[in-house]
Amino acid sequence: MLIKETSVNAFDDALKEFMMRTKPQLLNMLANMVNVAEAEEILQEAYLKIYLLVSKNPNKQNPLQQLLALQPMLIAMSKNMAISNLRHQKVVSSHIQNSVLMWVESDEAQALSSESTLVQESEREILLQAINQLPPICRQVFVQRKLHAKSHAEIAKMLGISNKTVENHLAKGLMLCRKYVAELNIVEKSQLKVNAR
């Protein structure tokens, strides 16, 4: 038992030393690509991946050398994660711009008729019903993002989850809301057919 604890402590000490040696350089590199908070998050995730990789088969004699040998992998992994983050931000930004344009065009067209006000109120009511049907955490993420316009990072920090989990909940929320609205439309159409007979 004492031997195992000693090897675990040696590995932990080696990991701390590895992080002390590599973190400043990597943070500097990542800060040129993304903001500092995202750089920190990316680096933490990269260190975790390295830790999980090494912990499966640690070098008990020289764990620091084993970790240092993986430094090129750590650098490449960090860069790739930052690039993925930038790509995702670009897609999100493009989606938001398209959504805003669609809303603006839609609002201008709907302002032309007095019926549009009733339609908008009805759509808001349906949207609120759809949001209320979401699972609790999914609903919380969806409301914070869509109604309160909070960033993914703010939501992640507030709820103690990762940005990726926030994205997953948003995607799930959108899918479930669309499904709810589609099912409601099917029910309404079938009722209209019954009433027309």
N, C-alpha and C. Protein backbone atom coordinates (compact mmCIF):
# COMPACT_ATOMS: atom_id res chain seq x y z
N MET A 1 0.84 -1.20 0.00
CA MET A 1 0.00 0.00 0.00
C MET A 1 0.87 1.25 0.00
N LEU A 2 1.96 1.23 0.78
CA LEU A 2 2.86 2.38 0.85
C LEU A 2 3.54 2.61 -0.49
N ILE A 3 3.88 1.54 -1.20
CA ILE A 3 4.53 1.67 -2.51
C ILE A 3 3.58 2.32 -3.50
N LYS A 4 2.32 1.89 -3.50
CA LYS A 4 1.32 2.48 -4.40
C LYS A 4 1.14 3.96 -4.14
N GLU A 5 1.01 4.34 -2.88
CA GLU A 5 0.82 5.75 -2.51
C GLU A 5 2.03 6.57 -2.93
N THR A 6 3.23 6.02 -2.77
CA THR A 6 4.44 6.73 -3.15
C THR A 6 4.46 6.96 -4.64
N SER A 7 4.08 5.94 -5.44
CA SER A 7 4.08 6.11 -6.89
C SER A 7 3.00 7.09 -7.33
N VAL A 8 1.86 7.09 -6.65
CA VAL A 8 0.80 8.06 -6.96
C VAL A 8 1.28 9.47 -6.64
N ASN A 9 1.92 9.64 -5.46
CA ASN A 9 2.45 10.95 -5.10
C ASN A 9 3.53 11.41 -6.08
N ALA A 10 4.39 10.49 -6.51
CA ALA A 10 5.43 10.84 -7.48
C ALA A 10 4.81 11.27 -8.80
N PHE A 11 3.76 10.59 -9.21
CA PHE A 11 3.07 10.94 -10.45
C PHE A 11 2.40 12.31 -10.31
N ASP A 12 1.74 12.54 -9.19
CA ASP A 12 1.10 13.84 -8.96
C ASP A 12 2.12 14.97 -8.93
N ASP A 13 3.24 14.73 -8.27
CA ASP A 13 4.31 15.74 -8.22
C ASP A 13 4.86 16.01 -9.62
N ALA A 14 5.04 14.93 -10.38
CA ALA A 14 5.54 15.08 -11.76
C ALA A 14 4.54 15.86 -12.61
N LEU A 15 3.26 15.61 -12.43
CA LEU A 15 2.23 16.32 -13.19
C LEU A 15 2.24 17.81 -12.84
N LYS A 16 2.38 18.12 -11.56
CA LYS A 16 2.44 19.53 -11.13
C LYS A 16 3.66 20.22 -11.76
N GLU A 17 4.79 19.54 -11.73
CA GLU A 17 6.02 20.09 -12.32
C GLU A 17 5.85 20.29 -13.82
N PHE A 18 5.26 19.31 -14.48
CA PHE A 18 5.00 19.39 -15.93
C PHE A 18 4.12 20.59 -16.25
N MET A 19 3.08 20.79 -15.45
CA MET A 19 2.17 21.92 -15.68
C MET A 19 2.89 23.25 -15.43
N MET A 20 3.72 23.31 -14.39
CA MET A 20 4.47 24.54 -14.11
C MET A 20 5.40 24.89 -15.26
N ARG A 21 6.01 23.88 -15.87
CA ARG A 21 6.97 24.12 -16.96
C ARG A 21 6.26 24.50 -18.27
N THR A 22 5.11 23.96 -18.52
CA THR A 22 4.48 24.14 -19.83
C THR A 22 3.37 25.19 -19.86
N LYS A 23 2.75 25.46 -18.74
CA LYS A 23 1.56 26.32 -18.73
C LYS A 23 1.81 27.74 -19.25
N PRO A 24 2.87 28.44 -18.79
CA PRO A 24 3.05 29.82 -19.27
C PRO A 24 3.18 29.92 -20.79
N GLN A 25 3.97 29.04 -21.38
CA GLN A 25 4.18 29.04 -22.83
C GLN A 25 2.87 28.74 -23.56
N LEU A 26 2.15 27.74 -23.09
CA LEU A 26 0.90 27.36 -23.75
C LEU A 26 -0.18 28.43 -23.59
N LEU A 27 -0.28 29.02 -22.42
CA LEU A 27 -1.26 30.09 -22.22
C LEU A 27 -0.97 31.25 -23.15
N ASN A 28 0.31 31.60 -23.29
CA ASN A 28 0.71 32.69 -24.18
C ASN A 28 0.32 32.36 -25.62
N MET A 29 0.58 31.14 -26.05
CA MET A 29 0.24 30.71 -27.40
C MET A 29 -1.28 30.77 -27.61
N LEU A 30 -2.04 30.22 -26.66
CA LEU A 30 -3.50 30.17 -26.80
C LEU A 30 -4.13 31.55 -26.69
N ALA A 31 -3.54 32.43 -25.87
CA ALA A 31 -4.09 33.78 -25.70
C ALA A 31 -4.01 34.58 -27.00
N ASN A 32 -3.13 34.17 -27.92
CA ASN A 32 -3.07 34.81 -29.23
C ASN A 32 -4.19 34.31 -30.15
N MET A 33 -4.84 33.25 -29.76
CA MET A 33 -5.90 32.66 -30.58
C MET A 33 -7.29 32.94 -30.01
N VAL A 34 -7.44 32.80 -28.70
CA VAL A 34 -8.74 32.97 -28.04
C VAL A 34 -8.54 33.85 -26.81
N ASN A 35 -9.64 34.24 -26.16
CA ASN A 35 -9.49 35.06 -24.96
C ASN A 35 -8.89 34.24 -23.82
N VAL A 36 -8.41 34.92 -22.80
CA VAL A 36 -7.65 34.28 -21.71
C VAL A 36 -8.49 33.23 -20.98
N ALA A 37 -9.77 33.53 -20.74
CA ALA A 37 -10.62 32.56 -20.03
C ALA A 37 -10.78 31.28 -20.84
N GLU A 38 -10.98 31.43 -22.16
CA GLU A 38 -11.11 30.25 -23.01
C GLU A 38 -9.78 29.51 -23.09
N ALA A 39 -8.68 30.26 -23.11
CA ALA A 39 -7.35 29.63 -23.14
C ALA A 39 -7.14 28.77 -21.90
N GLU A 40 -7.52 29.30 -20.74
CA GLU A 40 -7.41 28.54 -19.48
C GLU A 40 -8.24 27.26 -19.55
N GLU A 41 -9.47 27.39 -20.05
CA GLU A 41 -10.37 26.23 -20.12
C GLU A 41 -9.82 25.18 -21.08
N ILE A 42 -9.33 25.62 -22.23
CA ILE A 42 -8.76 24.70 -23.21
C ILE A 42 -7.56 23.98 -22.61
N LEU A 43 -6.71 24.73 -21.94
CA LEU A 43 -5.51 24.15 -21.35
C LEU A 43 -5.85 23.14 -20.26
N GLN A 44 -6.84 23.44 -19.44
CA GLN A 44 -7.27 22.49 -18.41
C GLN A 44 -7.75 21.20 -19.04
N GLU A 45 -8.53 21.32 -20.11
CA GLU A 45 -9.04 20.12 -20.79
C GLU A 45 -7.88 19.33 -21.42
N ALA A 46 -6.90 20.03 -21.99
CA ALA A 46 -5.75 19.35 -22.60
C ALA A 46 -4.93 18.62 -21.53
N TYR A 47 -4.71 19.27 -20.39
CA TYR A 47 -3.98 18.61 -19.30
C TYR A 47 -4.74 17.37 -18.81
N LEU A 48 -6.05 17.49 -18.73
CA LEU A 48 -6.85 16.35 -18.30
C LEU A 48 -6.69 15.18 -19.26
N LYS A 49 -6.70 15.46 -20.56
CA LYS A 49 -6.54 14.39 -21.56
C LYS A 49 -5.17 13.73 -21.42
N ILE A 50 -4.13 14.55 -21.23
CA ILE A 50 -2.78 13.99 -21.04
C ILE A 50 -2.74 13.14 -19.76
N TYR A 51 -3.33 13.66 -18.69
CA TYR A 51 -3.37 12.93 -17.42
C TYR A 51 -4.06 11.57 -17.60
N LEU A 52 -5.22 11.57 -18.27
CA LEU A 52 -5.95 10.32 -18.47
C LEU A 52 -5.15 9.34 -19.33
N LEU A 53 -4.44 9.86 -20.31
CA LEU A 53 -3.62 9.01 -21.16
C LEU A 53 -2.48 8.38 -20.37
N VAL A 54 -1.78 9.18 -19.60
CA VAL A 54 -0.61 8.69 -18.86
C VAL A 54 -1.01 7.83 -17.66
N SER A 55 -2.12 8.17 -17.03
CA SER A 55 -2.51 7.44 -15.81
C SER A 55 -2.85 5.98 -16.09
N LYS A 56 -3.12 5.65 -17.34
CA LYS A 56 -3.39 4.24 -17.68
C LYS A 56 -2.13 3.38 -17.57
N ASN A 57 -0.98 3.99 -17.87
CA ASN A 57 0.28 3.24 -17.82
C ASN A 57 1.42 4.19 -17.44
N PRO A 58 1.45 4.65 -16.19
CA PRO A 58 2.47 5.62 -15.79
C PRO A 58 3.85 4.98 -15.68
N ASN A 59 4.88 5.78 -15.98
CA ASN A 59 6.27 5.37 -15.81
C ASN A 59 6.63 5.63 -14.35
N LYS A 60 6.75 4.58 -13.57
CA LYS A 60 6.96 4.73 -12.13
C LYS A 60 8.35 5.24 -11.80
N GLN A 61 9.34 4.95 -12.68
CA GLN A 61 10.71 5.38 -12.40
C GLN A 61 10.89 6.87 -12.72
N ASN A 62 10.31 7.33 -13.82
CA ASN A 62 10.53 8.72 -14.20
C ASN A 62 9.26 9.30 -14.84
N PRO A 63 8.25 9.59 -14.04
CA PRO A 63 6.99 10.08 -14.59
C PRO A 63 7.11 11.46 -15.25
N LEU A 64 8.03 12.30 -14.77
CA LEU A 64 8.19 13.63 -15.37
C LEU A 64 8.69 13.51 -16.81
N GLN A 65 9.64 12.62 -17.06
CA GLN A 65 10.14 12.43 -18.42
C GLN A 65 9.03 11.91 -19.34
N GLN A 66 8.20 11.04 -18.81
CA GLN A 66 7.08 10.52 -19.59
C GLN A 66 6.15 11.67 -20.00
N LEU A 67 5.86 12.55 -19.06
CA LEU A 67 4.98 13.70 -19.35
C LEU A 67 5.66 14.67 -20.32
N LEU A 68 6.93 14.96 -20.11
CA LEU A 68 7.65 15.88 -20.99
C LEU A 68 7.72 15.35 -22.42
N ALA A 69 7.78 14.04 -22.57
CA ALA A 69 7.79 13.45 -23.90
C ALA A 69 6.46 13.70 -24.62
N LEU A 70 5.42 13.96 -23.86
CA LEU A 70 4.10 14.21 -24.45
C LEU A 70 3.82 15.70 -24.67
N GLN A 71 4.82 16.55 -24.41
CA GLN A 71 4.62 17.99 -24.59
C GLN A 71 4.23 18.35 -26.03
N PRO A 72 4.86 17.79 -27.08
CA PRO A 72 4.41 18.13 -28.44
C PRO A 72 2.93 17.76 -28.67
N MET A 73 2.51 16.64 -28.09
CA MET A 73 1.10 16.24 -28.22
C MET A 73 0.21 17.25 -27.50
N LEU A 74 0.64 17.70 -26.33
CA LEU A 74 -0.12 18.69 -25.57
C LEU A 74 -0.27 19.98 -26.36
N ILE A 75 0.81 20.43 -26.99
CA ILE A 75 0.78 21.67 -27.78
C ILE A 75 -0.18 21.50 -28.96
N ALA A 76 -0.03 20.40 -29.69
CA ALA A 76 -0.90 20.17 -30.86
C ALA A 76 -2.36 20.06 -30.43
N MET A 77 -2.60 19.35 -29.35
CA MET A 77 -3.97 19.18 -28.84
C MET A 77 -4.57 20.54 -28.46
N SER A 78 -3.80 21.37 -27.79
CA SER A 78 -4.27 22.68 -27.36
C SER A 78 -4.60 23.56 -28.57
N LYS A 79 -3.70 23.56 -29.56
CA LYS A 79 -3.95 24.35 -30.78
C LYS A 79 -5.23 23.88 -31.47
N ASN A 80 -5.37 22.57 -31.61
CA ASN A 80 -6.55 22.03 -32.28
C ASN A 80 -7.84 22.39 -31.54
N MET A 81 -7.79 22.33 -30.22
CA MET A 81 -8.97 22.68 -29.44
C MET A 81 -9.30 24.17 -29.59
N ALA A 82 -8.28 25.02 -29.65
CA ALA A 82 -8.51 26.46 -29.85
C ALA A 82 -9.09 26.72 -31.23
N ILE A 83 -8.57 26.04 -32.24
CA ILE A 83 -9.09 26.20 -33.60
C ILE A 83 -10.54 25.73 -33.66
N SER A 84 -10.85 24.61 -33.03
CA SER A 84 -12.23 24.12 -32.99
C SER A 84 -13.14 25.14 -32.31
N ASN A 85 -12.63 25.73 -31.23
CA ASN A 85 -13.39 26.75 -30.51
C ASN A 85 -13.68 27.95 -31.42
N LEU A 86 -12.64 28.39 -32.16
CA LEU A 86 -12.82 29.53 -33.08
C LEU A 86 -13.83 29.20 -34.18
N ARG A 87 -13.73 28.00 -34.72
CA ARG A 87 -14.69 27.59 -35.76
C ARG A 87 -16.11 27.58 -35.21
N HIS A 88 -16.25 27.05 -34.02
CA HIS A 88 -17.58 27.01 -33.41
C HIS A 88 -18.12 28.42 -33.20
N GLN A 89 -17.28 29.32 -32.72
CA GLN A 89 -17.71 30.70 -32.50
C GLN A 89 -18.13 31.35 -33.82
N LYS A 90 -17.41 31.02 -34.89
CA LYS A 90 -17.74 31.58 -36.20
C LYS A 90 -19.11 31.07 -36.66
N VAL A 91 -19.36 29.78 -36.47
CA VAL A 91 -20.65 29.21 -36.84
C VAL A 91 -21.78 29.82 -36.01
N VAL A 92 -21.54 29.94 -34.71
CA VAL A 92 -22.56 30.53 -33.82
C VAL A 92 -22.84 31.97 -34.22
N SER A 93 -21.78 32.73 -34.48
CA SER A 93 -21.93 34.12 -34.88
C SER A 93 -22.72 34.24 -36.18
N SER A 94 -22.40 33.39 -37.14
CA SER A 94 -23.12 33.39 -38.41
C SER A 94 -24.59 33.03 -38.20
N HIS A 95 -24.84 32.04 -37.35
CA HIS A 95 -26.22 31.63 -37.07
C HIS A 95 -26.99 32.77 -36.40
N ILE A 96 -26.36 33.46 -35.47
CA ILE A 96 -27.02 34.58 -34.79
C ILE A 96 -27.33 35.69 -35.78
N GLN A 97 -26.38 36.01 -36.66
CA GLN A 97 -26.61 37.05 -37.66
C GLN A 97 -27.78 36.67 -38.57
N ASN A 98 -27.79 35.42 -39.02
CA ASN A 98 -28.89 34.97 -39.88
C ASN A 98 -30.22 35.02 -39.15
N SER A 99 -30.22 34.62 -37.89
CA SER A 99 -31.45 34.65 -37.09
C SER A 99 -31.96 36.08 -36.92
N VAL A 100 -31.03 36.99 -36.64
CA VAL A 100 -31.41 38.39 -36.46
C VAL A 100 -31.99 38.94 -37.76
N LEU A 101 -31.33 38.63 -38.88
CA LEU A 101 -31.85 39.10 -40.16
C LEU A 101 -33.24 38.54 -40.44
N MET A 102 -33.42 37.26 -40.15
CA MET A 102 -34.75 36.65 -40.36
C MET A 102 -35.78 37.31 -39.46
N TRP A 103 -35.43 37.58 -38.20
CA TRP A 103 -36.36 38.21 -37.27
C TRP A 103 -36.70 39.63 -37.73
N VAL A 104 -35.68 40.37 -38.19
CA VAL A 104 -35.92 41.75 -38.65
C VAL A 104 -36.84 41.73 -39.86
N GLU A 105 -36.53 40.87 -40.83
CA GLU A 105 -37.37 40.78 -42.02
C GLU A 105 -38.78 40.33 -41.64
N SER A 106 -38.85 39.38 -40.75
CA SER A 106 -40.15 38.87 -40.31
C SER A 106 -40.93 39.95 -39.57
N ASP A 107 -40.24 40.68 -38.70
CA ASP A 107 -40.91 41.75 -37.96
C ASP A 107 -41.43 42.84 -38.88
N GLU A 108 -40.64 43.21 -39.89
CA GLU A 108 -41.08 44.24 -40.83
C GLU A 108 -42.31 43.78 -41.60
N ALA A 109 -42.32 42.54 -42.05
CA ALA A 109 -43.45 42.03 -42.81
C ALA A 109 -44.69 41.92 -41.91
N GLN A 110 -44.49 41.48 -40.68
CA GLN A 110 -45.63 41.30 -39.78
C GLN A 110 -46.21 42.62 -39.30
N ALA A 111 -45.40 43.66 -39.27
CA ALA A 111 -45.88 44.97 -38.82
C ALA A 111 -46.90 45.55 -39.79
N LEU A 112 -46.98 44.99 -40.98
CA LEU A 112 -47.91 45.52 -41.99
C LEU A 112 -49.36 45.19 -41.69
N SER A 113 -49.61 44.21 -40.89
CA SER A 113 -51.02 43.86 -40.64
C SER A 113 -51.33 43.84 -39.16
N SER A 114 -52.56 44.14 -38.83
CA SER A 114 -52.96 44.13 -37.43
C SER A 114 -53.10 42.71 -36.91
N GLU A 115 -53.31 41.78 -37.81
CA GLU A 115 -53.41 40.37 -37.42
C GLU A 115 -52.07 39.84 -36.92
N SER A 116 -51.01 40.44 -37.38
CA SER A 116 -49.68 39.94 -37.00
C SER A 116 -49.47 40.03 -35.49
N THR A 117 -50.05 41.02 -34.85
CA THR A 117 -49.91 41.15 -33.40
C THR A 117 -50.51 39.94 -32.69
N LEU A 118 -51.69 39.54 -33.13
CA LEU A 118 -52.31 38.35 -32.55
C LEU A 118 -51.49 37.10 -32.80
N VAL A 119 -50.96 37.00 -34.01
CA VAL A 119 -50.14 35.84 -34.36
C VAL A 119 -48.88 35.80 -33.49
N GLN A 120 -48.26 36.95 -33.32
CA GLN A 120 -47.05 37.01 -32.50
C GLN A 120 -47.33 36.59 -31.06
N GLU A 121 -48.43 37.07 -30.50
CA GLU A 121 -48.78 36.70 -29.13
C GLU A 121 -49.03 35.20 -29.02
N SER A 122 -49.72 34.67 -30.03
CA SER A 122 -49.99 33.23 -30.05
C SER A 122 -48.68 32.43 -30.15
N GLU A 123 -47.76 32.90 -31.00
CA GLU A 123 -46.48 32.22 -31.16
C GLU A 123 -45.65 32.29 -29.88
N ARG A 124 -45.67 33.43 -29.23
CA ARG A 124 -44.96 33.57 -27.95
C ARG A 124 -45.51 32.59 -26.92
N GLU A 125 -46.82 32.50 -26.87
CA GLU A 125 -47.47 31.59 -25.92
C GLU A 125 -47.07 30.14 -26.21
N ILE A 126 -47.06 29.78 -27.49
CA ILE A 126 -46.67 28.42 -27.88
C ILE A 126 -45.20 28.19 -27.53
N LEU A 127 -44.35 29.19 -27.80
CA LEU A 127 -42.93 29.06 -27.48
C LEU A 127 -42.73 28.89 -25.97
N LEU A 128 -43.46 29.66 -25.17
CA LEU A 128 -43.35 29.51 -23.72
C LEU A 128 -43.81 28.12 -23.26
N GLN A 129 -44.88 27.62 -23.89
CA GLN A 129 -45.34 26.27 -23.55
C GLN A 129 -44.27 25.24 -23.91
N ALA A 130 -43.64 25.44 -25.08
CA ALA A 130 -42.59 24.51 -25.52
C ALA A 130 -41.40 24.56 -24.56
N ILE A 131 -41.02 25.77 -24.15
CA ILE A 131 -39.89 25.92 -23.22
C ILE A 131 -40.23 25.27 -21.88
N ASN A 132 -41.46 25.42 -21.42
CA ASN A 132 -41.87 24.82 -20.14
C ASN A 132 -41.87 23.30 -20.18
N GLN A 133 -41.91 22.71 -21.37
CA GLN A 133 -41.89 21.25 -21.51
C GLN A 133 -40.47 20.69 -21.46
N LEU A 134 -39.46 21.56 -21.53
CA LEU A 134 -38.06 21.10 -21.55
C LEU A 134 -37.65 20.53 -20.19
N PRO A 135 -36.68 19.60 -20.19
CA PRO A 135 -36.13 19.13 -18.91
C PRO A 135 -35.52 20.31 -18.15
N PRO A 136 -35.46 20.25 -16.82
CA PRO A 136 -35.07 21.41 -16.01
C PRO A 136 -33.76 22.09 -16.40
N ILE A 137 -32.66 21.34 -16.50
CA ILE A 137 -31.38 21.97 -16.81
C ILE A 137 -31.39 22.51 -18.23
N CYS A 138 -31.95 21.74 -19.14
CA CYS A 138 -32.06 22.16 -20.53
C CYS A 138 -32.86 23.47 -20.61
N ARG A 139 -33.97 23.54 -19.87
CA ARG A 139 -34.82 24.74 -19.86
C ARG A 139 -34.03 25.93 -19.30
N GLN A 140 -33.27 25.69 -18.23
CA GLN A 140 -32.50 26.75 -17.60
C GLN A 140 -31.46 27.31 -18.58
N VAL A 141 -30.74 26.42 -19.27
CA VAL A 141 -29.74 26.84 -20.25
C VAL A 141 -30.41 27.60 -21.39
N PHE A 142 -31.51 27.06 -21.88
CA PHE A 142 -32.23 27.66 -23.00
C PHE A 142 -32.73 29.07 -22.64
N VAL A 143 -33.32 29.22 -21.49
CA VAL A 143 -33.85 30.51 -21.05
C VAL A 143 -32.71 31.52 -20.88
N GLN A 144 -31.62 31.10 -20.25
CA GLN A 144 -30.50 32.01 -20.03
C GLN A 144 -29.90 32.50 -21.35
N ARG A 145 -29.83 31.60 -22.33
CA ARG A 145 -29.22 31.96 -23.61
C ARG A 145 -30.19 32.73 -24.50
N LYS A 146 -31.38 32.20 -24.68
CA LYS A 146 -32.32 32.77 -25.66
C LYS A 146 -33.10 33.97 -25.13
N LEU A 147 -33.45 33.97 -23.86
CA LEU A 147 -34.25 35.06 -23.32
C LEU A 147 -33.42 36.11 -22.61
N HIS A 148 -32.33 35.67 -21.94
CA HIS A 148 -31.50 36.62 -21.20
C HIS A 148 -30.20 36.95 -21.92
N ALA A 149 -29.97 36.33 -23.09
CA ALA A 149 -28.82 36.60 -23.97
C ALA A 149 -27.47 36.45 -23.25
N LYS A 150 -27.37 35.47 -22.38
CA LYS A 150 -26.09 35.22 -21.69
C LYS A 150 -25.20 34.39 -22.60
N SER A 151 -23.90 34.57 -22.46
CA SER A 151 -22.94 33.82 -23.27
C SER A 151 -22.86 32.38 -22.77
N HIS A 152 -22.31 31.53 -23.62
CA HIS A 152 -22.12 30.13 -23.23
C HIS A 152 -21.26 30.04 -21.99
N ALA A 153 -20.19 30.86 -21.96
CA ALA A 153 -19.27 30.83 -20.81
C ALA A 153 -19.98 31.27 -19.52
N GLU A 154 -20.82 32.31 -19.62
CA GLU A 154 -21.54 32.77 -18.43
C GLU A 154 -22.49 31.68 -17.91
N ILE A 155 -23.18 31.03 -18.84
CA ILE A 155 -24.13 29.98 -18.46
C ILE A 155 -23.37 28.80 -17.84
N ALA A 156 -22.27 28.43 -18.48
CA ALA A 156 -21.46 27.31 -17.98
C ALA A 156 -20.99 27.60 -16.56
N LYS A 157 -20.51 28.81 -16.33
CA LYS A 157 -20.01 29.17 -15.00
C LYS A 157 -21.16 29.18 -13.99
N MET A 158 -22.30 29.74 -14.39
CA MET A 158 -23.45 29.86 -13.49
C MET A 158 -23.96 28.48 -13.06
N LEU A 159 -23.98 27.54 -14.01
CA LEU A 159 -24.54 26.22 -13.73
C LEU A 159 -23.48 25.17 -13.35
N GLY A 160 -22.21 25.55 -13.45
CA GLY A 160 -21.14 24.61 -13.10
C GLY A 160 -21.01 23.48 -14.10
N ILE A 161 -21.20 23.81 -15.39
CA ILE A 161 -21.06 22.81 -16.45
C ILE A 161 -20.12 23.35 -17.51
N SER A 162 -19.71 22.52 -18.46
CA SER A 162 -18.78 22.96 -19.49
C SER A 162 -19.53 23.67 -20.61
N ASN A 163 -18.77 24.41 -21.43
CA ASN A 163 -19.36 25.09 -22.59
C ASN A 163 -20.00 24.07 -23.54
N LYS A 164 -19.35 22.93 -23.68
CA LYS A 164 -19.87 21.89 -24.58
C LYS A 164 -21.22 21.39 -24.07
N THR A 165 -21.36 21.26 -22.77
CA THR A 165 -22.64 20.82 -22.20
C THR A 165 -23.70 21.88 -22.44
N VAL A 166 -23.32 23.15 -22.34
CA VAL A 166 -24.26 24.24 -22.65
C VAL A 166 -24.73 24.12 -24.09
N GLU A 167 -23.79 23.90 -25.01
CA GLU A 167 -24.14 23.76 -26.43
C GLU A 167 -25.08 22.57 -26.64
N ASN A 168 -24.78 21.47 -25.98
CA ASN A 168 -25.62 20.28 -26.12
C ASN A 168 -27.04 20.54 -25.62
N HIS A 169 -27.16 21.23 -24.48
CA HIS A 169 -28.49 21.55 -23.95
C HIS A 169 -29.23 22.50 -24.88
N LEU A 170 -28.52 23.47 -25.47
CA LEU A 170 -29.17 24.40 -26.40
C LEU A 170 -29.68 23.66 -27.63
N ALA A 171 -28.84 22.78 -28.18
CA ALA A 171 -29.26 22.01 -29.36
C ALA A 171 -30.46 21.13 -29.02
N LYS A 172 -30.41 20.48 -27.87
CA LYS A 172 -31.53 19.63 -27.43
C LYS A 172 -32.79 20.47 -27.23
N GLY A 173 -32.63 21.66 -26.61
CA GLY A 173 -33.76 22.55 -26.36
C GLY A 173 -34.42 22.99 -27.66
N LEU A 174 -33.60 23.37 -28.65
CA LEU A 174 -34.14 23.78 -29.95
C LEU A 174 -34.89 22.63 -30.61
N MET A 175 -34.28 21.45 -30.57
CA MET A 175 -34.91 20.28 -31.19
C MET A 175 -36.25 19.97 -30.52
N LEU A 176 -36.28 19.97 -29.19
CA LEU A 176 -37.52 19.65 -28.46
C LEU A 176 -38.58 20.74 -28.67
N CYS A 177 -38.18 22.00 -28.74
CA CYS A 177 -39.15 23.08 -28.99
C CYS A 177 -39.74 22.95 -30.39
N ARG A 178 -38.88 22.67 -31.38
CA ARG A 178 -39.38 22.48 -32.76
C ARG A 178 -40.35 21.30 -32.80
N LYS A 179 -39.99 20.22 -32.13
CA LYS A 179 -40.84 19.03 -32.11
C LYS A 179 -42.19 19.36 -31.47
N TYR A 180 -42.18 20.09 -30.36
CA TYR A 180 -43.41 20.47 -29.66
C TYR A 180 -44.31 21.31 -30.57
N VAL A 181 -43.70 22.30 -31.24
CA VAL A 181 -44.47 23.17 -32.14
C VAL A 181 -45.02 22.37 -33.32
N ALA A 182 -44.20 21.49 -33.88
CA ALA A 182 -44.65 20.67 -35.01
C ALA A 182 -45.82 19.77 -34.60
N GLU A 183 -45.73 19.15 -33.44
CA GLU A 183 -46.81 18.29 -32.96
C GLU A 183 -48.07 19.10 -32.69
N LEU A 184 -47.91 20.29 -32.16
CA LEU A 184 -49.05 21.17 -31.90
C LEU A 184 -49.73 21.57 -33.21
N ASN A 185 -48.92 21.85 -34.23
CA ASN A 185 -49.48 22.21 -35.55
C ASN A 185 -50.26 21.05 -36.16
N ILE A 186 -49.77 19.85 -35.98
CA ILE A 186 -50.48 18.67 -36.51
C ILE A 186 -51.83 18.52 -35.81
N VAL A 187 -51.84 18.70 -34.50
CA VAL A 187 -53.09 18.59 -33.74
C VAL A 187 -54.07 19.68 -34.18
N GLU A 188 -53.58 20.91 -34.35
CA GLU A 188 -54.46 22.01 -34.76
C GLU A 188 -55.03 21.77 -36.16
N LYS A 189 -54.21 21.27 -37.09
CA LYS A 189 -54.68 21.00 -38.45
C LYS A 189 -55.75 19.91 -38.44
N SER A 190 -55.55 18.88 -37.64
CA SER A 190 -56.54 17.81 -37.58
C SER A 190 -57.84 18.32 -36.97
N GLN A 191 -57.75 19.24 -36.00
CA GLN A 191 -58.97 19.82 -35.41
C GLN A 191 -59.70 20.69 -36.42
N LEU A 192 -58.95 21.43 -37.25
CA LEU A 192 -59.56 22.26 -38.27
C LEU A 192 -60.32 21.40 -39.29
N LYS A 193 -59.74 20.26 -39.66
CA LYS A 193 -60.41 19.35 -40.61
C LYS A 193 -61.69 18.80 -40.00
N VAL A 194 -61.66 18.44 -38.73
CA VAL A 194 -62.84 17.92 -38.06
C VAL A 194 -63.92 18.99 -37.99
N ASN A 195 -63.54 20.22 -37.67
CA ASN A 195 -64.51 21.33 -37.57
C ASN A 195 -65.07 21.71 -38.93
N ALA A 196 -64.31 21.52 -40.00
CA ALA A 196 -64.76 21.88 -41.35
C ALA A 196 -65.83 20.90 -41.86
N ARG A 197 -65.88 19.72 -41.32
CA ARG A 197 -66.86 18.71 -41.79
C ARG A 197 -68.22 19.01 -41.34
